[in-house]
Amino acid sequence: MITDLDAAGARYRLIDHPPEGRTEVVSAMRGHDVAHAAKCLVVMVKIGKKQTRYVLAVVPGTARLDVQAVKALLDGTYATFADRAKAEELAGSVSGTVLPFSYHPRLELIADPELEKAPELYFNAARLDRSIALATDDYLRLAAPRVAPITTPTGHG
């Protein structure tokens, strides 16, 4: 992934810290507002009885993912968080270190527009002891997520 960022001329920096996957705790270690963390969650969406789609939902660290909003975006009939094994398989990294990029053809990337308010996004770099601070506009340009509101109206949680 670092190779991809370098090749694309992205503005980023690496931050080493003690191993941690919880957004609130690692944000304090990295020294930034929790709202600037890119929290990554894998959602399974059923479309009728035969089709299953997976979404990598990226939301601000202070927000709560609205699974029903993800279901509605995909015209799904049912949606829930993917089980840990499936999420890690599709994301290519362990829970707590999932990148806000999809490298798997079955994993659709959707980012909440609230992320655009942060000048930089912070996320674990596919490991618990290193993070990346990436310029938000570079993230949007490189990851090319579908941008849609996918958090609960309260924005806290």
N, C-alpha and C. Protein backbone atom coordinates (compact mmCIF):
# COMPACT_ATOMS: atom_id res chain seq x y z
N MET A 1 0.80 -1.19 0.00
CA MET A 1 0.00 0.00 0.00
C MET A 1 0.86 1.27 0.00
N ILE A 2 1.94 1.27 0.77
CA ILE A 2 2.84 2.42 0.79
C ILE A 2 3.37 2.69 -0.62
N THR A 3 3.68 1.62 -1.34
CA THR A 3 4.14 1.73 -2.72
C THR A 3 3.10 2.46 -3.57
N ASP A 4 1.83 2.10 -3.37
CA ASP A 4 0.74 2.75 -4.11
C ASP A 4 0.67 4.24 -3.78
N LEU A 5 0.80 4.57 -2.50
CA LEU A 5 0.74 5.98 -2.09
C LEU A 5 1.89 6.77 -2.70
N ASP A 6 3.09 6.16 -2.65
CA ASP A 6 4.27 6.84 -3.22
C ASP A 6 4.10 7.03 -4.73
N ALA A 7 3.65 5.99 -5.41
CA ALA A 7 3.49 6.04 -6.87
C ALA A 7 2.49 7.11 -7.28
N ALA A 8 1.50 7.35 -6.44
CA ALA A 8 0.45 8.32 -6.76
C ALA A 8 0.77 9.72 -6.24
N GLY A 9 1.93 9.87 -5.60
CA GLY A 9 2.31 11.17 -5.08
C GLY A 9 1.45 11.63 -3.92
N ALA A 10 0.96 10.71 -3.15
CA ALA A 10 0.08 11.05 -2.02
C ALA A 10 0.88 11.69 -0.88
N ARG A 11 0.22 12.59 -0.18
CA ARG A 11 0.82 13.22 1.00
C ARG A 11 0.39 12.44 2.23
N TYR A 12 1.36 11.80 2.87
CA TYR A 12 1.06 10.98 4.04
C TYR A 12 2.28 10.93 4.94
N ARG A 13 2.07 10.45 6.15
CA ARG A 13 3.18 10.15 7.04
C ARG A 13 2.84 8.93 7.86
N LEU A 14 3.88 8.21 8.26
CA LEU A 14 3.71 7.02 9.08
C LEU A 14 3.87 7.41 10.55
N ILE A 15 3.09 6.78 11.40
CA ILE A 15 3.15 7.05 12.83
C ILE A 15 3.28 5.70 13.54
N ASP A 16 4.38 5.48 14.23
CA ASP A 16 4.54 4.26 15.02
C ASP A 16 4.01 4.51 16.43
N HIS A 17 3.39 3.49 17.01
CA HIS A 17 2.79 3.60 18.34
C HIS A 17 2.64 2.20 18.92
N PRO A 18 2.35 2.10 20.22
CA PRO A 18 2.11 0.77 20.81
C PRO A 18 0.93 0.09 20.10
N PRO A 19 0.92 -1.24 20.02
CA PRO A 19 -0.15 -1.95 19.33
C PRO A 19 -1.53 -1.62 19.90
N GLU A 20 -2.44 -1.17 19.03
CA GLU A 20 -3.78 -0.80 19.47
C GLU A 20 -4.72 -0.76 18.27
N GLY A 21 -5.92 -1.34 18.42
CA GLY A 21 -6.90 -1.35 17.35
C GLY A 21 -8.17 -0.58 17.65
N ARG A 22 -8.33 -0.15 18.91
CA ARG A 22 -9.54 0.60 19.27
C ARG A 22 -9.40 2.06 18.86
N THR A 23 -10.35 2.56 18.10
CA THR A 23 -10.27 3.89 17.51
C THR A 23 -9.98 4.99 18.53
N GLU A 24 -10.74 5.01 19.64
CA GLU A 24 -10.58 6.09 20.61
C GLU A 24 -9.18 6.08 21.23
N VAL A 25 -8.70 4.88 21.57
CA VAL A 25 -7.40 4.76 22.23
C VAL A 25 -6.26 5.11 21.28
N VAL A 26 -6.31 4.56 20.07
CA VAL A 26 -5.22 4.81 19.13
C VAL A 26 -5.21 6.26 18.65
N SER A 27 -6.38 6.89 18.58
CA SER A 27 -6.44 8.31 18.18
C SER A 27 -5.69 9.16 19.19
N ALA A 28 -5.85 8.86 20.48
CA ALA A 28 -5.13 9.60 21.52
C ALA A 28 -3.63 9.38 21.38
N MET A 29 -3.22 8.14 21.09
CA MET A 29 -1.80 7.85 20.89
C MET A 29 -1.22 8.62 19.70
N ARG A 30 -2.03 8.74 18.67
CA ARG A 30 -1.57 9.43 17.45
C ARG A 30 -1.69 10.94 17.57
N GLY A 31 -2.44 11.41 18.57
CA GLY A 31 -2.55 12.84 18.84
C GLY A 31 -3.47 13.59 17.90
N HIS A 32 -4.63 13.02 17.57
CA HIS A 32 -5.57 13.74 16.72
C HIS A 32 -7.00 13.55 17.21
N ASP A 33 -7.90 14.38 16.70
CA ASP A 33 -9.32 14.29 17.00
C ASP A 33 -9.85 12.94 16.52
N VAL A 34 -10.64 12.26 17.35
CA VAL A 34 -11.19 10.95 16.99
C VAL A 34 -12.02 11.03 15.70
N ALA A 35 -12.63 12.18 15.43
CA ALA A 35 -13.44 12.35 14.22
C ALA A 35 -12.59 12.23 12.95
N HIS A 36 -11.27 12.39 13.07
CA HIS A 36 -10.38 12.31 11.91
C HIS A 36 -9.88 10.89 11.65
N ALA A 37 -10.29 9.95 12.50
CA ALA A 37 -9.94 8.54 12.28
C ALA A 37 -10.88 7.97 11.24
N ALA A 38 -10.34 7.16 10.34
CA ALA A 38 -11.17 6.46 9.35
C ALA A 38 -11.46 5.07 9.89
N LYS A 39 -12.66 4.89 10.44
CA LYS A 39 -13.06 3.60 11.01
C LYS A 39 -13.61 2.75 9.87
N CYS A 40 -13.11 1.51 9.76
CA CYS A 40 -13.44 0.65 8.63
C CYS A 40 -14.20 -0.59 9.09
N LEU A 41 -15.37 -0.81 8.54
CA LEU A 41 -16.24 -1.91 8.94
C LEU A 41 -16.74 -2.65 7.71
N VAL A 42 -16.76 -3.96 7.78
CA VAL A 42 -17.23 -4.76 6.65
C VAL A 42 -18.68 -5.20 6.91
N VAL A 43 -19.53 -4.92 5.93
CA VAL A 43 -20.96 -5.22 6.04
C VAL A 43 -21.36 -6.21 4.95
N MET A 44 -22.17 -7.19 5.34
CA MET A 44 -22.72 -8.14 4.38
C MET A 44 -24.14 -7.69 4.05
N VAL A 45 -24.45 -7.58 2.75
CA VAL A 45 -25.78 -7.17 2.32
C VAL A 45 -26.36 -8.26 1.42
N LYS A 46 -27.54 -8.75 1.79
CA LYS A 46 -28.25 -9.74 0.97
C LYS A 46 -29.15 -8.98 0.01
N ILE A 47 -29.10 -9.39 -1.26
CA ILE A 47 -29.99 -8.84 -2.28
C ILE A 47 -30.89 -10.00 -2.67
N GLY A 48 -32.12 -10.00 -2.17
CA GLY A 48 -33.00 -11.14 -2.40
C GLY A 48 -32.44 -12.38 -1.70
N LYS A 49 -32.76 -13.55 -2.23
CA LYS A 49 -32.33 -14.79 -1.59
C LYS A 49 -31.00 -15.32 -2.13
N LYS A 50 -30.60 -14.86 -3.32
CA LYS A 50 -29.48 -15.50 -4.00
C LYS A 50 -28.17 -14.71 -4.01
N GLN A 51 -28.24 -13.40 -3.89
CA GLN A 51 -27.03 -12.59 -4.04
C GLN A 51 -26.57 -12.00 -2.70
N THR A 52 -25.26 -12.06 -2.47
CA THR A 52 -24.66 -11.45 -1.29
C THR A 52 -23.58 -10.49 -1.76
N ARG A 53 -23.61 -9.26 -1.24
CA ARG A 53 -22.57 -8.28 -1.55
C ARG A 53 -21.92 -7.86 -0.24
N TYR A 54 -20.67 -7.45 -0.35
CA TYR A 54 -19.93 -6.99 0.82
C TYR A 54 -19.49 -5.55 0.61
N VAL A 55 -19.59 -4.77 1.67
CA VAL A 55 -19.24 -3.36 1.63
C VAL A 55 -18.18 -3.09 2.68
N LEU A 56 -17.14 -2.35 2.29
CA LEU A 56 -16.19 -1.80 3.25
C LEU A 56 -16.68 -0.39 3.52
N ALA A 57 -17.28 -0.19 4.69
CA ALA A 57 -17.83 1.10 5.07
C ALA A 57 -16.78 1.86 5.85
N VAL A 58 -16.50 3.09 5.43
CA VAL A 58 -15.50 3.93 6.10
C VAL A 58 -16.23 5.15 6.67
N VAL A 59 -16.13 5.28 8.00
CA VAL A 59 -16.85 6.35 8.70
C VAL A 59 -15.90 7.05 9.68
N PRO A 60 -16.24 8.29 10.06
CA PRO A 60 -15.42 8.97 11.07
C PRO A 60 -15.38 8.19 12.37
N GLY A 61 -14.29 8.30 13.11
CA GLY A 61 -14.11 7.57 14.35
C GLY A 61 -15.16 7.86 15.40
N THR A 62 -15.80 9.02 15.33
CA THR A 62 -16.82 9.38 16.31
C THR A 62 -18.22 8.93 15.89
N ALA A 63 -18.35 8.42 14.68
CA ALA A 63 -19.67 8.08 14.15
C ALA A 63 -20.01 6.62 14.35
N ARG A 64 -21.29 6.33 14.25
CA ARG A 64 -21.79 4.96 14.31
C ARG A 64 -22.31 4.62 12.92
N LEU A 65 -21.86 3.50 12.39
CA LEU A 65 -22.33 3.06 11.07
C LEU A 65 -23.82 2.72 11.13
N ASP A 66 -24.55 3.21 10.14
CA ASP A 66 -25.97 2.88 10.00
C ASP A 66 -26.08 1.75 8.97
N VAL A 67 -26.17 0.52 9.46
CA VAL A 67 -26.21 -0.66 8.60
C VAL A 67 -27.43 -0.59 7.67
N GLN A 68 -28.54 -0.02 8.16
CA GLN A 68 -29.74 0.09 7.33
C GLN A 68 -29.52 1.05 6.16
N ALA A 69 -28.71 2.08 6.34
CA ALA A 69 -28.40 3.01 5.25
C ALA A 69 -27.59 2.30 4.17
N VAL A 70 -26.66 1.43 4.59
CA VAL A 70 -25.88 0.65 3.63
C VAL A 70 -26.81 -0.29 2.86
N LYS A 71 -27.71 -0.94 3.57
CA LYS A 71 -28.68 -1.84 2.95
C LYS A 71 -29.50 -1.09 1.90
N ALA A 72 -29.98 0.11 2.24
CA ALA A 72 -30.80 0.90 1.33
C ALA A 72 -30.01 1.32 0.08
N LEU A 73 -28.73 1.68 0.26
CA LEU A 73 -27.90 2.09 -0.89
C LEU A 73 -27.76 0.98 -1.92
N LEU A 74 -27.72 -0.26 -1.45
CA LEU A 74 -27.53 -1.40 -2.35
C LEU A 74 -28.85 -2.08 -2.71
N ASP A 75 -29.98 -1.45 -2.31
CA ASP A 75 -31.30 -2.06 -2.52
C ASP A 75 -31.33 -3.47 -1.94
N GLY A 76 -30.75 -3.62 -0.76
CA GLY A 76 -30.68 -4.93 -0.13
C GLY A 76 -31.96 -5.29 0.59
N THR A 77 -32.06 -6.56 0.92
CA THR A 77 -33.21 -7.05 1.68
C THR A 77 -32.82 -7.32 3.14
N TYR A 78 -31.51 -7.43 3.39
CA TYR A 78 -31.00 -7.71 4.74
C TYR A 78 -29.55 -7.25 4.80
N ALA A 79 -29.15 -6.70 5.93
CA ALA A 79 -27.75 -6.29 6.09
C ALA A 79 -27.32 -6.49 7.53
N THR A 80 -26.07 -6.89 7.71
CA THR A 80 -25.49 -7.07 9.03
C THR A 80 -23.97 -6.96 8.91
N PHE A 81 -23.30 -6.84 10.03
CA PHE A 81 -21.84 -6.84 9.99
C PHE A 81 -21.36 -8.22 9.54
N ALA A 82 -20.37 -8.25 8.67
CA ALA A 82 -19.80 -9.52 8.23
C ALA A 82 -19.11 -10.17 9.42
N ASP A 83 -19.09 -11.50 9.45
CA ASP A 83 -18.38 -12.15 10.54
C ASP A 83 -16.88 -11.87 10.38
N ARG A 84 -16.18 -11.98 11.50
CA ARG A 84 -14.77 -11.59 11.55
C ARG A 84 -13.92 -12.29 10.49
N ALA A 85 -14.11 -13.59 10.31
CA ALA A 85 -13.31 -14.34 9.34
C ALA A 85 -13.52 -13.83 7.92
N LYS A 86 -14.77 -13.58 7.54
CA LYS A 86 -15.08 -13.08 6.20
C LYS A 86 -14.54 -11.67 6.03
N ALA A 87 -14.71 -10.83 7.04
CA ALA A 87 -14.22 -9.45 6.97
C ALA A 87 -12.70 -9.43 6.79
N GLU A 88 -12.00 -10.26 7.55
CA GLU A 88 -10.53 -10.29 7.45
C GLU A 88 -10.08 -10.86 6.11
N GLU A 89 -10.81 -11.86 5.60
CA GLU A 89 -10.48 -12.43 4.29
C GLU A 89 -10.61 -11.38 3.18
N LEU A 90 -11.73 -10.66 3.17
CA LEU A 90 -11.97 -9.66 2.13
C LEU A 90 -11.07 -8.44 2.27
N ALA A 91 -10.82 -8.03 3.52
CA ALA A 91 -10.01 -6.83 3.76
C ALA A 91 -8.52 -7.13 3.63
N GLY A 92 -8.16 -8.40 3.80
CA GLY A 92 -6.74 -8.76 3.69
C GLY A 92 -5.92 -8.40 4.91
N SER A 93 -6.59 -8.09 6.02
CA SER A 93 -5.86 -7.81 7.26
C SER A 93 -6.78 -8.11 8.45
N VAL A 94 -6.18 -8.19 9.63
CA VAL A 94 -6.95 -8.57 10.81
C VAL A 94 -7.82 -7.42 11.30
N SER A 95 -8.86 -7.78 12.02
CA SER A 95 -9.77 -6.81 12.60
C SER A 95 -8.98 -5.79 13.41
N GLY A 96 -9.35 -4.51 13.28
CA GLY A 96 -8.64 -3.44 13.98
C GLY A 96 -7.53 -2.83 13.14
N THR A 97 -7.20 -3.48 12.00
CA THR A 97 -6.13 -2.95 11.14
C THR A 97 -6.62 -2.78 9.70
N VAL A 98 -7.92 -2.88 9.48
CA VAL A 98 -8.46 -2.83 8.12
C VAL A 98 -8.23 -1.44 7.52
N LEU A 99 -7.70 -1.45 6.31
CA LEU A 99 -7.41 -0.21 5.58
C LEU A 99 -8.69 0.34 4.95
N PRO A 100 -8.76 1.67 4.75
CA PRO A 100 -9.94 2.25 4.10
C PRO A 100 -9.85 2.16 2.57
N PHE A 101 -9.22 1.12 2.08
CA PHE A 101 -9.07 0.87 0.64
C PHE A 101 -9.55 -0.56 0.39
N SER A 102 -10.18 -0.78 -0.75
CA SER A 102 -10.57 -2.14 -1.09
C SER A 102 -9.64 -2.67 -2.16
N TYR A 103 -9.00 -3.80 -1.86
CA TYR A 103 -8.14 -4.47 -2.82
C TYR A 103 -8.77 -5.78 -3.27
N HIS A 104 -10.04 -5.99 -2.90
CA HIS A 104 -10.73 -7.24 -3.24
C HIS A 104 -11.92 -6.91 -4.15
N PRO A 105 -12.07 -7.63 -5.26
CA PRO A 105 -13.16 -7.31 -6.19
C PRO A 105 -14.57 -7.47 -5.61
N ARG A 106 -14.72 -8.27 -4.55
CA ARG A 106 -16.04 -8.46 -3.94
C ARG A 106 -16.33 -7.47 -2.80
N LEU A 107 -15.42 -6.54 -2.57
CA LEU A 107 -15.58 -5.60 -1.46
C LEU A 107 -15.78 -4.19 -2.02
N GLU A 108 -17.02 -3.72 -1.95
CA GLU A 108 -17.36 -2.38 -2.47
C GLU A 108 -17.04 -1.34 -1.40
N LEU A 109 -16.39 -0.27 -1.78
CA LEU A 109 -15.96 0.77 -0.85
C LEU A 109 -16.96 1.92 -0.81
N ILE A 110 -17.48 2.20 0.38
CA ILE A 110 -18.39 3.34 0.57
C ILE A 110 -17.87 4.16 1.74
N ALA A 111 -17.70 5.46 1.52
CA ALA A 111 -17.19 6.36 2.56
C ALA A 111 -18.26 7.41 2.89
N ASP A 112 -18.38 7.71 4.17
CA ASP A 112 -19.33 8.72 4.61
C ASP A 112 -18.80 10.11 4.29
N PRO A 113 -19.65 11.03 3.80
CA PRO A 113 -19.19 12.37 3.43
C PRO A 113 -18.61 13.18 4.60
N GLU A 114 -18.95 12.81 5.84
CA GLU A 114 -18.38 13.51 7.00
C GLU A 114 -16.85 13.43 7.02
N LEU A 115 -16.29 12.38 6.42
CA LEU A 115 -14.83 12.22 6.37
C LEU A 115 -14.17 13.38 5.62
N GLU A 116 -14.90 13.96 4.69
CA GLU A 116 -14.34 15.05 3.87
C GLU A 116 -14.03 16.30 4.68
N LYS A 117 -14.59 16.40 5.90
CA LYS A 117 -14.36 17.57 6.75
C LYS A 117 -12.96 17.57 7.38
N ALA A 118 -12.33 16.40 7.47
CA ALA A 118 -11.01 16.31 8.10
C ALA A 118 -9.93 16.58 7.05
N PRO A 119 -8.91 17.38 7.39
CA PRO A 119 -7.83 17.63 6.43
C PRO A 119 -6.99 16.38 6.16
N GLU A 120 -6.89 15.53 7.19
CA GLU A 120 -6.16 14.27 7.07
C GLU A 120 -7.00 13.17 7.70
N LEU A 121 -6.86 11.96 7.17
CA LEU A 121 -7.50 10.80 7.77
C LEU A 121 -6.43 9.91 8.36
N TYR A 122 -6.72 9.34 9.51
CA TYR A 122 -5.77 8.47 10.22
C TYR A 122 -6.34 7.07 10.28
N PHE A 123 -5.51 6.08 10.02
CA PHE A 123 -5.94 4.69 10.09
C PHE A 123 -4.74 3.79 10.30
N ASN A 124 -4.99 2.62 10.92
CA ASN A 124 -3.92 1.65 11.12
C ASN A 124 -3.48 1.14 9.76
N ALA A 125 -2.18 0.95 9.63
CA ALA A 125 -1.57 0.57 8.35
C ALA A 125 -1.47 -0.95 8.22
N ALA A 126 -2.62 -1.62 8.29
CA ALA A 126 -2.69 -3.08 8.20
C ALA A 126 -1.90 -3.79 9.31
N ARG A 127 -1.60 -3.06 10.36
CA ARG A 127 -0.96 -3.62 11.55
C ARG A 127 -1.31 -2.74 12.75
N LEU A 128 -1.23 -3.30 13.94
CA LEU A 128 -1.69 -2.58 15.13
C LEU A 128 -0.70 -1.56 15.67
N ASP A 129 0.55 -1.62 15.24
CA ASP A 129 1.57 -0.73 15.83
C ASP A 129 2.05 0.36 14.88
N ARG A 130 1.37 0.53 13.75
CA ARG A 130 1.74 1.61 12.82
C ARG A 130 0.48 2.16 12.18
N SER A 131 0.43 3.48 12.07
CA SER A 131 -0.70 4.15 11.44
C SER A 131 -0.22 5.03 10.31
N ILE A 132 -1.17 5.42 9.49
CA ILE A 132 -0.90 6.35 8.39
C ILE A 132 -1.81 7.56 8.59
N ALA A 133 -1.23 8.74 8.42
CA ALA A 133 -2.01 9.98 8.32
C ALA A 133 -1.94 10.36 6.84
N LEU A 134 -3.08 10.37 6.17
CA LEU A 134 -3.14 10.59 4.73
C LEU A 134 -4.01 11.80 4.43
N ALA A 135 -3.53 12.68 3.57
CA ALA A 135 -4.34 13.84 3.17
C ALA A 135 -5.68 13.34 2.62
N THR A 136 -6.76 13.92 3.11
CA THR A 136 -8.11 13.45 2.76
C THR A 136 -8.36 13.51 1.26
N ASP A 137 -7.94 14.58 0.61
CA ASP A 137 -8.20 14.66 -0.84
C ASP A 137 -7.41 13.59 -1.60
N ASP A 138 -6.22 13.25 -1.11
CA ASP A 138 -5.47 12.15 -1.74
C ASP A 138 -6.18 10.82 -1.50
N TYR A 139 -6.73 10.63 -0.30
CA TYR A 139 -7.49 9.40 -0.04
C TYR A 139 -8.64 9.26 -1.03
N LEU A 140 -9.43 10.33 -1.16
CA LEU A 140 -10.60 10.28 -2.04
C LEU A 140 -10.19 10.04 -3.50
N ARG A 141 -9.09 10.64 -3.92
CA ARG A 141 -8.60 10.47 -5.28
C ARG A 141 -8.12 9.05 -5.54
N LEU A 142 -7.38 8.46 -4.58
CA LEU A 142 -6.78 7.15 -4.78
C LEU A 142 -7.75 6.00 -4.50
N ALA A 143 -8.53 6.10 -3.44
CA ALA A 143 -9.45 5.01 -3.09
C ALA A 143 -10.70 5.04 -3.96
N ALA A 144 -11.07 6.24 -4.41
CA ALA A 144 -12.27 6.44 -5.23
C ALA A 144 -13.51 5.75 -4.65
N PRO A 145 -13.81 6.01 -3.38
CA PRO A 145 -14.98 5.36 -2.79
C PRO A 145 -16.28 5.96 -3.32
N ARG A 146 -17.35 5.20 -3.20
CA ARG A 146 -18.68 5.77 -3.39
C ARG A 146 -18.90 6.59 -2.12
N VAL A 147 -19.23 7.87 -2.26
CA VAL A 147 -19.45 8.72 -1.08
C VAL A 147 -20.95 8.86 -0.86
N ALA A 148 -21.40 8.41 0.31
CA ALA A 148 -22.83 8.46 0.64
C ALA A 148 -22.98 8.47 2.15
N PRO A 149 -24.03 9.13 2.66
CA PRO A 149 -24.24 9.16 4.12
C PRO A 149 -24.60 7.78 4.65
N ILE A 150 -23.73 7.24 5.52
CA ILE A 150 -23.94 5.89 6.06
C ILE A 150 -23.76 5.85 7.57
N THR A 151 -23.95 7.00 8.22
CA THR A 151 -23.85 7.02 9.69
C THR A 151 -25.21 7.38 10.28
N THR A 152 -25.39 7.05 11.55
CA THR A 152 -26.65 7.37 12.22
C THR A 152 -26.73 8.89 12.39
N PRO A 153 -27.95 9.43 12.40
CA PRO A 153 -28.12 10.89 12.46
C PRO A 153 -27.45 11.56 13.64
N THR A 154 -27.33 10.85 14.79
CA THR A 154 -26.72 11.47 15.96
C THR A 154 -25.25 11.78 15.74
N GLY A 155 -24.56 10.92 14.98
CA GLY A 155 -23.14 11.13 14.73
C GLY A 155 -22.26 10.79 15.90
N HIS A 156 -22.84 10.27 16.98
CA HIS A 156 -22.04 9.90 18.15
C HIS A 156 -22.28 8.42 18.45
N GLY A 157 -21.23 7.79 19.05
CA GLY A 157 -21.49 6.42 19.42
C GLY A 157 -20.30 5.53 19.37
